[in-house]
């Protein structure tokens, strides 16, 4: 009987440890999900800004809209310390 109790207690400790690890893992995943949501919100905000800069079809010629896109992309590259003129 003492051996069964010890085995039962060990199994309970193992289950508690596993539950703790699982809870910690879920918390970490929750934090990562929050960070991903923030990144997505930023990305969608950037897309909205780009769309506003480009304008709706018909507002400007395609040449003007492409010029705006090019300037925005060059500015983004420079903000990341990338020289767009050096890229081929």
Protein backbone atom coordinates (compact mmCIF):
# COMPACT_ATOMS: atom_id res chain seq x y z
CA UNK A 1 0.00 0.00 0.00
CA UNK A 2 2.82 2.43 0.80
CA UNK A 3 4.35 1.76 -2.62
CA UNK A 4 1.05 2.51 -4.33
CA UNK A 5 0.72 5.79 -2.41
CA UNK A 6 4.24 6.80 -3.36
CA UNK A 7 3.60 6.01 -7.03
CA UNK A 8 0.31 7.91 -6.88
CA UNK A 9 2.03 10.92 -5.26
CA UNK A 10 4.80 10.85 -7.87
CA UNK A 11 2.22 10.72 -10.66
CA UNK A 12 0.37 13.69 -9.14
CA UNK A 13 3.62 15.68 -8.94
CA UNK A 14 4.36 14.84 -12.57
CA UNK A 15 0.87 15.95 -13.61
CA UNK A 16 1.19 19.20 -11.64
CA UNK A 17 4.58 19.89 -13.22
CA UNK A 18 3.16 19.21 -16.68
CA UNK A 19 0.18 21.49 -16.00
CA UNK A 20 2.55 24.25 -14.86
CA UNK A 21 4.70 23.88 -18.01
CA UNK A 22 1.60 23.89 -20.19
CA UNK A 23 0.26 27.01 -18.48
CA UNK A 24 3.58 28.79 -18.91
CA UNK A 25 3.71 27.77 -22.58
CA UNK A 26 0.17 29.03 -23.13
CA UNK A 27 1.07 32.35 -21.48
CA UNK A 28 4.12 32.70 -23.74
CA UNK A 29 2.01 31.94 -26.81
CA UNK A 30 -0.52 34.51 -25.65
CA UNK A 31 2.22 37.14 -25.41
CA UNK A 32 3.50 36.24 -28.88
CA UNK A 33 -0.01 36.46 -30.27
CA UNK A 34 -0.34 39.95 -28.77
CA UNK A 35 2.92 41.01 -30.42
CA UNK A 36 1.76 39.59 -33.76
CA UNK A 37 -1.51 41.51 -33.49
CA UNK A 38 0.42 44.73 -32.81
CA UNK A 39 2.64 44.07 -35.84
CA UNK A 40 -0.41 43.41 -38.01
CA UNK A 41 -2.08 46.61 -36.83
CA UNK A 42 1.08 48.54 -37.72
CA UNK A 43 1.32 46.83 -41.12
CA UNK A 44 -2.33 47.53 -41.91
CA UNK A 45 -1.84 51.14 -40.83
CA UNK A 46 1.12 51.39 -43.21
CA UNK A 47 -0.95 49.88 -46.01
CA UNK A 48 -3.72 52.39 -45.34
CA UNK A 49 -1.18 55.23 -45.40
CA UNK A 50 0.23 53.97 -48.69
CA UNK A 51 -3.25 53.65 -50.15
CA UNK A 52 -4.02 57.22 -49.09
CA UNK A 53 -0.77 58.44 -50.62
CA UNK A 54 -1.48 56.67 -53.89
CA UNK A 55 -5.12 57.73 -54.03
CA UNK A 56 -8.14 56.14 -55.61
CA UNK A 57 -8.03 55.10 -59.26
CA UNK A 58 -8.92 58.06 -61.46
CA UNK A 59 -7.66 60.67 -58.99
CA UNK A 60 -4.21 60.69 -60.56
CA UNK A 61 -2.55 59.16 -63.56
CA UNK A 62 -0.85 55.81 -63.14
CA UNK A 63 2.50 57.52 -63.65
CA UNK A 64 1.93 59.85 -60.72
CA UNK A 65 0.67 57.01 -58.51
CA UNK A 66 3.69 54.85 -59.34
CA UNK A 67 5.99 57.79 -58.62
CA UNK A 68 4.43 58.16 -55.16
CA UNK A 69 4.83 54.43 -54.50
CA UNK A 70 8.47 54.58 -55.57
CA UNK A 71 9.18 57.53 -53.26
CA UNK A 72 7.50 55.77 -50.34
CA UNK A 73 9.48 52.58 -50.94
CA UNK A 74 12.74 54.53 -51.22
CA UNK A 75 11.95 56.32 -47.95
CA UNK A 76 11.25 52.99 -46.25
CA UNK A 77 14.50 51.55 -47.55
CA UNK A 78 16.49 54.54 -46.35
CA UNK A 79 14.81 54.33 -42.93
CA UNK A 80 16.25 50.81 -42.70
CA UNK A 81 19.72 52.00 -43.75
CA UNK A 82 19.39 50.47 -47.21
CA UNK A 83 20.63 52.51 -50.16
CA UNK A 84 18.01 51.84 -52.86
CA UNK A 85 20.23 53.41 -55.51
CA UNK A 86 22.91 50.77 -54.84
CA UNK A 87 20.50 47.86 -55.41
CA UNK A 88 20.31 46.18 -58.78
